[in-house]
Amino acid sequence: MERVSGGGDPHGLARAHRARGGGGAGVNALRTRTLLEKADLVVVRFGDKYRQWNAAFDAGLASALNKPIITLHPPELTHALKEVDRAAAAVAETPEQVVQLLRYAIRGELG
């Protein structure tokens, strides 16, 4: 899942958590779960630039929260992600396909 930044960490929460020996993972997990709970639909992107295990975990959490999922990944990852894709409402290979899927889901327009 490509995380969207909300303007950094203005209160130093991640730094404070790391100072206690916890690293930033707990704070990130809390933020990710909060955003997933608020989401109407989740797009999970897999690829060379994205940590596959994080994306797979986020997809599993979205599925557990009964959120519709669109997976986005290159064709060469199709076999490796077959279980994740099976849980998804749709699978896309390009960002443009995601836009088309969202346009159809929201407006009912094809193409």
PDB file of N, CA and C in Angstrom:
ATOM      1  N   MET A   1       0.849  -1.156   0.000  1.00  0.00           N
ATOM      2  CA  MET A   1       0.000   0.000   0.000  1.00  0.00           C
ATOM      3  C   MET A   1       0.889   1.211   0.000  1.00  0.00           C
ATOM      4  N   GLU A   2       0.621   2.095  -0.869  1.00  0.00           N
ATOM      5  CA  GLU A   2       1.376   3.321  -0.942  1.00  0.00           C
ATOM      6  C   GLU A   2       0.787   4.253   0.110  1.00  0.00           C
ATOM      7  N   ARG A   3       1.571   4.585   1.096  1.00  0.00           N
ATOM      8  CA  ARG A   3       1.060   5.410   2.180  1.00  0.00           C
ATOM      9  C   ARG A   3       1.093   6.872   1.765  1.00  0.00           C
ATOM     10  N   VAL A   4       0.057   7.591   2.131  1.00  0.00           N
ATOM     11  CA  VAL A   4      -0.043   9.005   1.800  1.00  0.00           C
ATOM     12  C   VAL A   4       0.363   9.797   3.024  1.00  0.00           C
ATOM     13  N   SER A   5       1.316  10.675   2.854  1.00  0.00           N
ATOM     14  CA  SER A   5       1.828  11.456   3.965  1.00  0.00           C
ATOM     15  C   SER A   5       0.846  12.540   4.353  1.00  0.00           C
ATOM     16  N   GLY A   6       0.674  12.729   5.623  1.00  0.00           N
ATOM     17  CA  GLY A   6      -0.205  13.778   6.118  1.00  0.00           C
ATOM     18  C   GLY A   6       0.564  14.999   6.564  1.00  0.00           C
ATOM     19  N   GLY A   7       1.751  15.219   6.047  1.00  0.00           N
ATOM     20  CA  GLY A   7       2.499  16.414   6.409  1.00  0.00           C
ATOM     21  C   GLY A   7       3.601  16.139   7.406  1.00  0.00           C
ATOM     22  N   GLY A   8       4.066  14.920   7.462  1.00  0.00           N
ATOM     23  CA  GLY A   8       5.194  14.609   8.337  1.00  0.00           C
ATOM     24  C   GLY A   8       4.754  14.272   9.737  1.00  0.00           C
ATOM     25  N   ASP A   9       5.594  14.610  10.683  1.00  0.00           N
ATOM     26  CA  ASP A   9       5.381  14.263  12.084  1.00  0.00           C
ATOM     27  C   ASP A   9       5.578  15.526  12.915  1.00  0.00           C
ATOM     28  N   PRO A  10       4.614  16.470  12.859  1.00  0.00           N
ATOM     29  CA  PRO A  10       4.814  17.775  13.484  1.00  0.00           C
ATOM     30  C   PRO A  10       4.976  17.716  14.999  1.00  0.00           C
ATOM     31  N   HIS A  11       4.503  16.664  15.642  1.00  0.00           N
ATOM     32  CA  HIS A  11       4.584  16.575  17.098  1.00  0.00           C
ATOM     33  C   HIS A  11       5.716  15.670  17.564  1.00  0.00           C
ATOM     34  N   GLY A  12       6.491  15.125  16.630  1.00  0.00           N
ATOM     35  CA  GLY A  12       7.613  14.281  17.004  1.00  0.00           C
ATOM     36  C   GLY A  12       7.207  12.946  17.592  1.00  0.00           C
ATOM     37  N   LEU A  13       6.012  12.447  17.241  1.00  0.00           N
ATOM     38  CA  LEU A  13       5.531  11.194  17.828  1.00  0.00           C
ATOM     39  C   LEU A  13       6.417  10.014  17.487  1.00  0.00           C
ATOM     40  N   ALA A  14       6.807   9.889  16.222  1.00  0.00           N
ATOM     41  CA  ALA A  14       7.658   8.770  15.820  1.00  0.00           C
ATOM     42  C   ALA A  14       9.006   8.863  16.515  1.00  0.00           C
ATOM     43  N   ARG A  15       9.560  10.071  16.607  1.00  0.00           N
ATOM     44  CA  ARG A  15      10.848  10.254  17.282  1.00  0.00           C
ATOM     45  C   ARG A  15      10.731   9.870  18.755  1.00  0.00           C
ATOM     46  N   ALA A  16       9.641  10.258  19.411  1.00  0.00           N
ATOM     47  CA  ALA A  16       9.442   9.922  20.814  1.00  0.00           C
ATOM     48  C   ALA A  16       9.306   8.418  20.995  1.00  0.00           C
ATOM     49  N   HIS A  17       8.610   7.778  20.083  1.00  0.00           N
ATOM     50  CA  HIS A  17       8.439   6.327  20.168  1.00  0.00           C
ATOM     51  C   HIS A  17       9.780   5.623  19.986  1.00  0.00           C
ATOM     52  N   ARG A  18      10.596   6.085  19.029  1.00  0.00           N
ATOM     53  CA  ARG A  18      11.924   5.497  18.805  1.00  0.00           C
ATOM     54  C   ARG A  18      12.811   5.694  20.027  1.00  0.00           C
ATOM     55  N   ALA A  19      12.692   6.842  20.697  1.00  0.00           N
ATOM     56  CA  ALA A  19      13.512   7.119  21.872  1.00  0.00           C
ATOM     57  C   ALA A  19      13.229   6.124  22.991  1.00  0.00           C
ATOM     58  N   ARG A  20      12.029   5.567  22.994  1.00  0.00           N
ATOM     59  CA  ARG A  20      11.679   4.548  23.986  1.00  0.00           C
ATOM     60  C   ARG A  20      12.073   3.156  23.508  1.00  0.00           C
ATOM     61  N   GLY A  21      12.763   3.080  22.364  1.00  0.00           N
ATOM     62  CA  GLY A  21      13.227   1.784  21.868  1.00  0.00           C
ATOM     63  C   GLY A  21      12.221   1.059  20.994  1.00  0.00           C
ATOM     64  N   GLY A  22      11.144   1.734  20.593  1.00  0.00           N
ATOM     65  CA  GLY A  22      10.097   1.059  19.847  1.00  0.00           C
ATOM     66  C   GLY A  22      10.184   1.188  18.344  1.00  0.00           C
ATOM     67  N   GLY A  23      11.066   2.027  17.838  1.00  0.00           N
ATOM     68  CA  GLY A  23      11.104   2.250  16.395  1.00  0.00           C
ATOM     69  C   GLY A  23       9.849   2.977  15.952  1.00  0.00           C
ATOM     70  N   GLY A  24       9.718   3.223  14.663  1.00  0.00           N
ATOM     71  CA  GLY A  24       8.559   3.938  14.141  1.00  0.00           C
ATOM     72  C   GLY A  24       7.461   3.025  13.655  1.00  0.00           C
ATOM     73  N   ALA A  25       7.698   1.708  13.678  1.00  0.00           N
ATOM     74  CA  ALA A  25       6.738   0.761  13.099  1.00  0.00           C
ATOM     75  C   ALA A  25       5.393   0.792  13.805  1.00  0.00           C
ATOM     76  N   GLY A  26       5.385   0.899  15.111  1.00  0.00           N
ATOM     77  CA  GLY A  26       4.121   0.907  15.853  1.00  0.00           C
ATOM     78  C   GLY A  26       3.268   2.106  15.519  1.00  0.00           C
ATOM     79  N   VAL A  27       3.899   3.265  15.404  1.00  0.00           N
ATOM     80  CA  VAL A  27       3.179   4.486  15.058  1.00  0.00           C
ATOM     81  C   VAL A  27       2.642   4.371  13.636  1.00  0.00           C
ATOM     82  N   ASN A  28       3.469   3.845  12.711  1.00  0.00           N
ATOM     83  CA  ASN A  28       3.013   3.669  11.337  1.00  0.00           C
ATOM     84  C   ASN A  28       1.861   2.679  11.256  1.00  0.00           C
ATOM     85  N   ALA A  29       1.930   1.595  12.015  1.00  0.00           N
ATOM     86  CA  ALA A  29       0.859   0.596  12.006  1.00  0.00           C
ATOM     87  C   ALA A  29      -0.444   1.192  12.516  1.00  0.00           C
ATOM     88  N   LEU A  30      -0.363   2.020  13.540  1.00  0.00           N
ATOM     89  CA  LEU A  30      -1.557   2.685  14.070  1.00  0.00           C
ATOM     90  C   LEU A  30      -2.171   3.610  13.019  1.00  0.00           C
ATOM     91  N   ARG A  31      -1.309   4.369  12.343  1.00  0.00           N
ATOM     92  CA  ARG A  31      -1.797   5.287  11.312  1.00  0.00           C
ATOM     93  C   ARG A  31      -2.408   4.516  10.141  1.00  0.00           C
ATOM     94  N   THR A  32      -1.730   3.451   9.711  1.00  0.00           N
ATOM     95  CA  THR A  32      -2.234   2.653   8.595  1.00  0.00           C
ATOM     96  C   THR A  32      -3.585   2.052   8.932  1.00  0.00           C
ATOM     97  N   ARG A  33      -3.717   1.476  10.116  1.00  0.00           N
ATOM     98  CA  ARG A  33      -4.998   0.871  10.503  1.00  0.00           C
ATOM     99  C   ARG A  33      -6.102   1.927  10.549  1.00  0.00           C
ATOM    100  N   THR A  34      -5.800   3.093  11.081  1.00  0.00           N
ATOM    101  CA  THR A  34      -6.790   4.170  11.151  1.00  0.00           C
ATOM    102  C   THR A  34      -7.246   4.572   9.750  1.00  0.00           C
ATOM    103  N   LEU A  35      -6.296   4.726   8.830  1.00  0.00           N
ATOM    104  CA  LEU A  35      -6.656   5.104   7.454  1.00  0.00           C
ATOM    105  C   LEU A  35      -7.444   3.995   6.760  1.00  0.00           C
ATOM    106  N   LEU A  36      -7.072   2.737   6.986  1.00  0.00           N
ATOM    107  CA  LEU A  36      -7.809   1.630   6.377  1.00  0.00           C
ATOM    108  C   LEU A  36      -9.240   1.564   6.912  1.00  0.00           C
ATOM    109  N   GLU A  37      -9.413   1.792   8.206  1.00  0.00           N
ATOM    110  CA  GLU A  37     -10.761   1.768   8.785  1.00  0.00           C
ATOM    111  C   GLU A  37     -11.644   2.855   8.195  1.00  0.00           C
ATOM    112  N   LYS A  38     -11.061   3.999   7.845  1.00  0.00           N
ATOM    113  CA  LYS A  38     -11.829   5.119   7.291  1.00  0.00           C
ATOM    114  C   LYS A  38     -12.064   4.988   5.787  1.00  0.00           C
ATOM    115  N   ALA A  39     -11.305   4.118   5.125  1.00  0.00           N
ATOM    116  CA  ALA A  39     -11.359   4.013   3.665  1.00  0.00           C
ATOM    117  C   ALA A  39     -12.658   3.372   3.182  1.00  0.00           C
ATOM    118  N   ASP A  40     -13.132   3.844   2.032  1.00  0.00           N
ATOM    119  CA  ASP A  40     -14.260   3.205   1.352  1.00  0.00           C
ATOM    120  C   ASP A  40     -13.764   2.077   0.465  1.00  0.00           C
ATOM    121  N   LEU A  41     -12.550   2.222  -0.037  1.00  0.00           N
ATOM    122  CA  LEU A  41     -11.950   1.269  -0.961  1.00  0.00           C
ATOM    123  C   LEU A  41     -10.434   1.396  -0.799  1.00  0.00           C
ATOM    124  N   VAL A  42      -9.711   0.289  -0.973  1.00  0.00           N
ATOM    125  CA  VAL A  42      -8.259   0.300  -0.777  1.00  0.00           C
ATOM    126  C   VAL A  42      -7.572  -0.177  -2.054  1.00  0.00           C
ATOM    127  N   VAL A  43      -6.597   0.596  -2.518  1.00  0.00           N
ATOM    128  CA  VAL A  43      -5.749   0.194  -3.633  1.00  0.00           C
ATOM    129  C   VAL A  43      -4.410  -0.219  -3.035  1.00  0.00           C
ATOM    130  N   VAL A  44      -4.012  -1.471  -3.298  1.00  0.00           N
ATOM    131  CA  VAL A  44      -2.757  -1.992  -2.765  1.00  0.00           C
ATOM    132  C   VAL A  44      -1.795  -2.185  -3.927  1.00  0.00           C
ATOM    133  N   ARG A  45      -0.666  -1.490  -3.875  1.00  0.00           N
ATOM    134  CA  ARG A  45       0.296  -1.523  -4.979  1.00  0.00           C
ATOM    135  C   ARG A  45       1.494  -2.404  -4.617  1.00  0.00           C
ATOM    136  N   PHE A  46       1.794  -3.332  -5.505  1.00  0.00           N
ATOM    137  CA  PHE A  46       2.948  -4.208  -5.366  1.00  0.00           C
ATOM    138  C   PHE A  46       3.915  -3.905  -6.501  1.00  0.00           C
ATOM    139  N   GLY A  47       5.206  -4.005  -6.245  1.00  0.00           N
ATOM    140  CA  GLY A  47       6.208  -3.791  -7.284  1.00  0.00           C
ATOM    141  C   GLY A  47       7.583  -3.642  -6.682  1.00  0.00           C
ATOM    142  N   ASP A  48       8.559  -3.372  -7.514  1.00  0.00           N
ATOM    143  CA  ASP A  48       9.950  -3.289  -7.070  1.00  0.00           C
ATOM    144  C   ASP A  48      10.186  -2.227  -6.009  1.00  0.00           C
ATOM    145  N   LYS A  49       9.483  -1.105  -6.100  1.00  0.00           N
ATOM    146  CA  LYS A  49       9.703   0.002  -5.180  1.00  0.00           C
ATOM    147  C   LYS A  49       8.893  -0.102  -3.894  1.00  0.00           C
ATOM    148  N   TYR A  50       8.091  -1.153  -3.751  1.00  0.00           N
ATOM    149  CA  TYR A  50       7.195  -1.262  -2.602  1.00  0.00           C
ATOM    150  C   TYR A  50       7.521  -2.519  -1.828  1.00  0.00           C
ATOM    151  N   ARG A  51       7.517  -2.449  -0.524  1.00  0.00           N
ATOM    152  CA  ARG A  51       7.816  -3.611   0.313  1.00  0.00           C
ATOM    153  C   ARG A  51       6.647  -4.583   0.220  1.00  0.00           C
ATOM    154  N   GLN A  52       6.905  -5.715  -0.383  1.00  0.00           N
ATOM    155  CA  GLN A  52       5.845  -6.686  -0.660  1.00  0.00           C
ATOM    156  C   GLN A  52       5.154  -7.158   0.625  1.00  0.00           C
ATOM    157  N   TRP A  53       5.921  -7.411   1.672  1.00  0.00           N
ATOM    158  CA  TRP A  53       5.316  -7.923   2.899  1.00  0.00           C
ATOM    159  C   TRP A  53       4.404  -6.886   3.541  1.00  0.00           C
ATOM    160  N   ASN A  54       4.789  -5.604   3.469  1.00  0.00           N
ATOM    161  CA  ASN A  54       3.920  -4.549   4.001  1.00  0.00           C
ATOM    162  C   ASN A  54       2.634  -4.453   3.192  1.00  0.00           C
ATOM    163  N   ALA A  55       2.763  -4.492   1.873  1.00  0.00           N
ATOM    164  CA  ALA A  55       1.589  -4.409   1.014  1.00  0.00           C
ATOM    165  C   ALA A  55       0.668  -5.599   1.241  1.00  0.00           C
ATOM    166  N   ALA A  56       1.242  -6.791   1.347  1.00  0.00           N
ATOM    167  CA  ALA A  56       0.427  -7.990   1.583  1.00  0.00           C
ATOM    168  C   ALA A  56      -0.270  -7.911   2.939  1.00  0.00           C
ATOM    169  N   PHE A  57       0.433  -7.437   3.953  1.00  0.00           N
ATOM    170  CA  PHE A  57      -0.185  -7.294   5.275  1.00  0.00           C
ATOM    171  C   PHE A  57      -1.328  -6.290   5.221  1.00  0.00           C
ATOM    172  N   ASP A  58      -1.103  -5.148   4.554  1.00  0.00           N
ATOM    173  CA  ASP A  58      -2.145  -4.128   4.435  1.00  0.00           C
ATOM    174  C   ASP A  58      -3.354  -4.665   3.675  1.00  0.00           C
ATOM    175  N   ALA A  59      -3.105  -5.471   2.633  1.00  0.00           N
ATOM    176  CA  ALA A  59      -4.214  -6.076   1.886  1.00  0.00           C
ATOM    177  C   ALA A  59      -4.998  -7.025   2.785  1.00  0.00           C
ATOM    178  N   GLY A  60      -4.295  -7.808   3.594  1.00  0.00           N
ATOM    179  CA  GLY A  60      -4.971  -8.722   4.518  1.00  0.00           C
ATOM    180  C   GLY A  60      -5.797  -7.973   5.545  1.00  0.00           C
ATOM    181  N   LEU A  61      -5.256  -6.898   6.071  1.00  0.00           N
ATOM    182  CA  LEU A  61      -5.992  -6.092   7.044  1.00  0.00           C
ATOM    183  C   LEU A  61      -7.221  -5.461   6.397  1.00  0.00           C
ATOM    184  N   ALA A  62      -7.071  -4.942   5.189  1.00  0.00           N
ATOM    185  CA  ALA A  62      -8.217  -4.361   4.470  1.00  0.00           C
ATOM    186  C   ALA A  62      -9.289  -5.412   4.238  1.00  0.00           C
ATOM    187  N   SER A  63      -8.867  -6.615   3.891  1.00  0.00           N
ATOM    188  CA  SER A  63      -9.817  -7.708   3.685  1.00  0.00           C
ATOM    189  C   SER A  63     -10.536  -8.059   4.984  1.00  0.00           C
ATOM    190  N   ALA A  64      -9.793  -8.113   6.078  1.00  0.00           N
ATOM    191  CA  ALA A  64     -10.396  -8.410   7.382  1.00  0.00           C
ATOM    192  C   ALA A  64     -11.397  -7.339   7.800  1.00  0.00           C
ATOM    193  N   LEU A  65     -11.174  -6.108   7.338  1.00  0.00           N
ATOM    194  CA  LEU A  65     -12.090  -5.006   7.634  1.00  0.00           C
ATOM    195  C   LEU A  65     -13.222  -4.912   6.614  1.00  0.00           C
ATOM    196  N   ASN A  66     -13.299  -5.908   5.705  1.00  0.00           N
ATOM    197  CA  ASN A  66     -14.328  -5.962   4.659  1.00  0.00           C
ATOM    198  C   ASN A  66     -14.310  -4.756   3.731  1.00  0.00           C
ATOM    199  N   LYS A  67     -13.112  -4.260   3.438  1.00  0.00           N
ATOM    200  CA  LYS A  67     -12.963  -3.150   2.492  1.00  0.00           C
ATOM    201  C   LYS A  67     -12.740  -3.718   1.099  1.00  0.00           C
ATOM    202  N   PRO A  68     -13.385  -3.177   0.083  1.00  0.00           N
ATOM    203  CA  PRO A  68     -13.089  -3.606  -1.284  1.00  0.00           C
ATOM    204  C   PRO A  68     -11.639  -3.256  -1.618  1.00  0.00           C
ATOM    205  N   ILE A  69     -10.970  -4.170  -2.317  1.00  0.00           N
ATOM    206  CA  ILE A  69      -9.561  -3.996  -2.631  1.00  0.00           C
ATOM    207  C   ILE A  69      -9.357  -4.047  -4.138  1.00  0.00           C
ATOM    208  N   ILE A  70      -8.526  -3.140  -4.634  1.00  0.00           N
ATOM    209  CA  ILE A  70      -7.995  -3.218  -5.990  1.00  0.00           C
ATOM    210  C   ILE A  70      -6.502  -3.458  -5.825  1.00  0.00           C
ATOM    211  N   THR A  71      -5.992  -4.545  -6.397  1.00  0.00           N
ATOM    212  CA  THR A  71      -4.547  -4.754  -6.366  1.00  0.00           C
ATOM    213  C   THR A  71      -3.957  -4.182  -7.651  1.00  0.00           C
ATOM    214  N   LEU A  72      -2.759  -3.628  -7.531  1.00  0.00           N
ATOM    215  CA  LEU A  72      -2.045  -3.034  -8.651  1.00  0.00           C
ATOM    216  C   LEU A  72      -0.648  -3.628  -8.670  1.00  0.00           C
ATOM    217  N   HIS A  73      -0.333  -4.364  -9.724  1.00  0.00           N
ATOM    218  CA  HIS A  73       0.999  -4.959  -9.830  1.00  0.00           C
ATOM    219  C   HIS A  73       1.305  -5.347 -11.271  1.00  0.00           C
ATOM    220  N   PRO A  74       2.603  -5.461 -11.586  1.00  0.00           N
ATOM    221  CA  PRO A  74       2.977  -5.868 -12.942  1.00  0.00           C
ATOM    222  C   PRO A  74       2.617  -7.329 -13.185  1.00  0.00           C
ATOM    223  N   PRO A  75       2.455  -7.722 -14.445  1.00  0.00           N
ATOM    224  CA  PRO A  75       2.045  -9.087 -14.782  1.00  0.00           C
ATOM    225  C   PRO A  75       2.967 -10.164 -14.211  1.00  0.00           C
ATOM    226  N   GLU A  76       4.261  -9.874 -14.089  1.00  0.00           N
ATOM    227  CA  GLU A  76       5.182 -10.897 -13.590  1.00  0.00           C
ATOM    228  C   GLU A  76       4.955 -11.277 -12.125  1.00  0.00           C
ATOM    229  N   LEU A  77       4.142 -10.516 -11.405  1.00  0.00           N
ATOM    230  CA  LEU A  77       3.825 -10.856 -10.010  1.00  0.00           C
ATOM    231  C   LEU A  77       2.485 -11.580  -9.872  1.00  0.00           C
ATOM    232  N   THR A  78       1.791 -11.821 -10.979  1.00  0.00           N
ATOM    233  CA  THR A  78       0.447 -12.413 -10.926  1.00  0.00           C
ATOM    234  C   THR A  78       0.435 -13.753 -10.203  1.00  0.00           C
ATOM    235  N   HIS A  79       1.345 -14.651 -10.531  1.00  0.00           N
ATOM    236  CA  HIS A  79       1.340 -15.966  -9.888  1.00  0.00           C
ATOM    237  C   HIS A  79       1.640 -15.854  -8.390  1.00  0.00           C
ATOM    238  N   ALA A  80       2.633 -15.053  -8.046  1.00  0.00           N
ATOM    239  CA  ALA A  80       3.010 -14.902  -6.635  1.00  0.00           C
ATOM    240  C   ALA A  80       1.892 -14.279  -5.799  1.00  0.00           C
ATOM    241  N   LEU A  81       1.040 -13.482  -6.425  1.00  0.00           N
ATOM    242  CA  LEU A  81      -0.019 -12.770  -5.698  1.00  0.00           C
ATOM    243  C   LEU A  81      -1.407 -13.362  -5.941  1.00  0.00           C
ATOM    244  N   LYS A  82      -1.467 -14.593  -6.406  1.00  0.00           N
ATOM    245  CA  LYS A  82      -2.769 -15.159  -6.790  1.00  0.00           C
ATOM    246  C   LYS A  82      -3.755 -15.188  -5.630  1.00  0.00           C
ATOM    247  N   GLU A  83      -3.316 -15.483  -4.411  1.00  0.00           N
ATOM    248  CA  GLU A  83      -4.240 -15.496  -3.270  1.00  0.00           C
ATOM    249  C   GLU A  83      -4.705 -14.085  -2.917  1.00  0.00           C
ATOM    250  N   VAL A  84      -3.792 -13.130  -2.978  1.00  0.00           N
ATOM    251  CA  VAL A  84      -4.158 -11.738  -2.701  1.00  0.00           C
ATOM    252  C   VAL A  84      -5.137 -11.248  -3.764  1.00  0.00           C
ATOM    253  N   ASP A  85      -4.841 -11.552  -5.036  1.00  0.00           N
ATOM    254  CA  ASP A  85      -5.732 -11.140  -6.126  1.00  0.00           C
ATOM    255  C   ASP A  85      -7.114 -11.774  -5.992  1.00  0.00           C
ATOM    256  N   ARG A  86      -7.159 -13.000  -5.499  1.00  0.00           N
ATOM    257  CA  ARG A  86      -8.449 -13.685  -5.335  1.00  0.00           C
ATOM    258  C   ARG A  86      -9.336 -12.941  -4.325  1.00  0.00           C
ATOM    259  N   ALA A  87      -8.723 -12.327  -3.324  1.00  0.00           N
ATOM    260  CA  ALA A  87      -9.480 -11.576  -2.310  1.00  0.00           C
ATOM    261  C   ALA A  87      -9.876 -10.179  -2.794  1.00  0.00           C
ATOM    262  N   ALA A  88      -9.263  -9.741  -3.891  1.00  0.00           N
ATOM    263  CA  ALA A  88      -9.512  -8.387  -4.399  1.00  0.00           C
ATOM    264  C   ALA A  88     -10.785  -8.320  -5.224  1.00  0.00           C
ATOM    265  N   ALA A  89     -11.400  -7.151  -5.215  1.00  0.00           N
ATOM    266  CA  ALA A  89     -12.573  -6.910  -6.064  1.00  0.00           C
ATOM    267  C   ALA A  89     -12.145  -6.756  -7.520  1.00  0.00           C
ATOM    268  N   ALA A  90     -10.916  -6.269  -7.733  1.00  0.00           N
ATOM    269  CA  ALA A  90     -10.388  -6.074  -9.081  1.00  0.00           C
ATOM    270  C   ALA A  90      -8.870  -6.080  -9.030  1.00  0.00           C
ATOM    271  N   VAL A  91      -8.281  -6.385 -10.185  1.00  0.00           N
ATOM    272  CA  VAL A  91      -6.824  -6.407 -10.321  1.00  0.00           C
ATOM    273  C   VAL A  91      -6.450  -5.509 -11.492  1.00  0.00           C
ATOM    274  N   ALA A  92      -5.438  -4.662 -11.291  1.00  0.00           N
ATOM    275  CA  ALA A  92      -4.966  -3.773 -12.344  1.00  0.00           C
ATOM    276  C   ALA A  92      -3.462  -3.943 -12.513  1.00  0.00           C
ATOM    277  N   GLU A  93      -3.010  -3.682 -13.734  1.00  0.00           N
ATOM    278  CA  GLU A  93      -1.578  -3.754 -14.024  1.00  0.00           C
ATOM    279  C   GLU A  93      -0.956  -2.377 -14.193  1.00  0.00           C
ATOM    280  N   THR A  94      -1.785  -1.344 -14.344  1.00  0.00           N
ATOM    281  CA  THR A  94      -1.278   0.020 -14.508  1.00  0.00           C
ATOM    282  C   THR A  94      -2.118   0.979 -13.663  1.00  0.00           C
ATOM    283  N   PRO A  95      -1.536   2.107 -13.284  1.00  0.00           N
ATOM    284  CA  PRO A  95      -2.325   3.120 -12.568  1.00  0.00           C
ATOM    285  C   PRO A  95      -3.520   3.598 -13.393  1.00  0.00           C
ATOM    286  N   GLU A  96      -3.365   3.632 -14.717  1.00  0.00           N
ATOM    287  CA  GLU A  96      -4.472   4.064 -15.576  1.00  0.00           C
ATOM    288  C   GLU A  96      -5.663   3.108 -15.456  1.00  0.00           C
ATOM    289  N   GLN A  97      -5.388   1.814 -15.312  1.00  0.00           N
ATOM    290  CA  GLN A  97      -6.473   0.842 -15.124  1.00  0.00           C
ATOM    291  C   GLN A  97      -7.170   1.068 -13.787  1.00  0.00           C
ATOM    292  N   VAL A  98      -6.419   1.462 -12.768  1.00  0.00           N
ATOM    293  CA  VAL A  98      -7.027   1.777 -11.469  1.00  0.00           C
ATOM    294  C   VAL A  98      -7.982   2.950 -11.627  1.00  0.00           C
ATOM    295  N   VAL A  99      -7.552   3.970 -12.352  1.00  0.00           N
ATOM    296  CA  VAL A  99      -8.411   5.139 -12.587  1.00  0.00           C
ATOM    297  C   VAL A  99      -9.689   4.713 -13.302  1.00  0.00           C
ATOM    298  N   GLN A 100      -9.566   3.859 -14.320  1.00  0.00           N
ATOM    299  CA  GLN A 100     -10.747   3.373 -15.041  1.00  0.00           C
ATOM    300  C   GLN A 100     -11.677   2.601 -14.113  1.00  0.00           C
ATOM    301  N   LEU A 101     -11.119   1.765 -13.261  1.00  0.00           N
ATOM    302  CA  LEU A 101     -11.941   0.999 -12.313  1.00  0.00           C
ATOM    303  C   LEU A 101     -12.667   1.925 -11.345  1.00  0.00           C
ATOM    304  N   LEU A 102     -11.959   2.927 -10.845  1.00  0.00           N
ATOM    305  CA  LEU A 102     -12.580   3.877  -9.918  1.00  0.00           C
ATOM    306  C   LEU A 102     -13.656   4.705 -10.615  1.00  0.00           C
ATOM    307  N   ARG A 103     -13.388   5.111 -11.853  1.00  0.00           N
ATOM    308  CA  ARG A 103     -14.388   5.872 -12.618  1.00  0.00           C
ATOM    309  C   ARG A 103     -15.666   5.046 -12.770  1.00  0.00           C
ATOM    310  N   TYR A 104     -15.492   3.759 -13.069  1.00  0.00           N
ATOM    311  CA  TYR A 104     -16.659   2.886 -13.213  1.00  0.00           C
ATOM    312  C   TYR A 104     -17.371   2.702 -11.878  1.00  0.00           C
ATOM    313  N   ALA A 105     -16.598   2.475 -10.809  1.00  0.00           N
ATOM    314  CA  ALA A 105     -17.197   2.256  -9.486  1.00  0.00           C
ATOM    315  C   ALA A 105     -17.959   3.482  -8.987  1.00  0.00           C
ATOM    316  N   ILE A 106     -17.432   4.670  -9.259  1.00  0.00           N
ATOM    317  CA  ILE A 106     -18.035   5.888  -8.739  1.00  0.00           C
ATOM    318  C   ILE A 106     -19.100   6.470  -9.660  1.00  0.00           C
ATOM    319  N   ARG A 107     -18.812   6.494 -10.963  1.00  0.00           N
ATOM    320  CA  ARG A 107     -19.720   7.155 -11.916  1.00  0.00           C
ATOM    321  C   ARG A 107     -20.474   6.202 -12.824  1.00  0.00           C
ATOM    322  N   GLY A 108     -20.052   4.937 -12.839  1.00  0.00           N
ATOM    323  CA  GLY A 108     -20.683   3.985 -13.748  1.00  0.00           C
ATOM    324  C   GLY A 108     -20.273   4.172 -15.186  1.00  0.00           C
ATOM    325  N   GLU A 109     -19.160   4.870 -15.411  1.00  0.00           N
ATOM    326  CA  GLU A 109     -18.700   5.149 -16.766  1.00  0.00           C
ATOM    327  C   GLU A 109     -17.598   4.173 -17.154  1.00  0.00           C
ATOM    328  N   LEU A 110     -17.720   3.585 -18.322  1.00  0.00           N
ATOM    329  CA  LEU A 110     -16.675   2.714 -18.868  1.00  0.00           C
ATOM    330  C   LEU A 110     -15.762   3.530 -19.772  1.00  0.00           C
ATOM    331  N   GLY A 111     -14.452   3.224 -19.693  1.00  0.00           N
ATOM    332  CA  GLY A 111     -13.491   3.865 -20.605  1.00  0.00           C
ATOM    333  C   GLY A 111     -13.026   5.188 -20.238  1.00  0.00           C
TER     334      GLY A 111
END
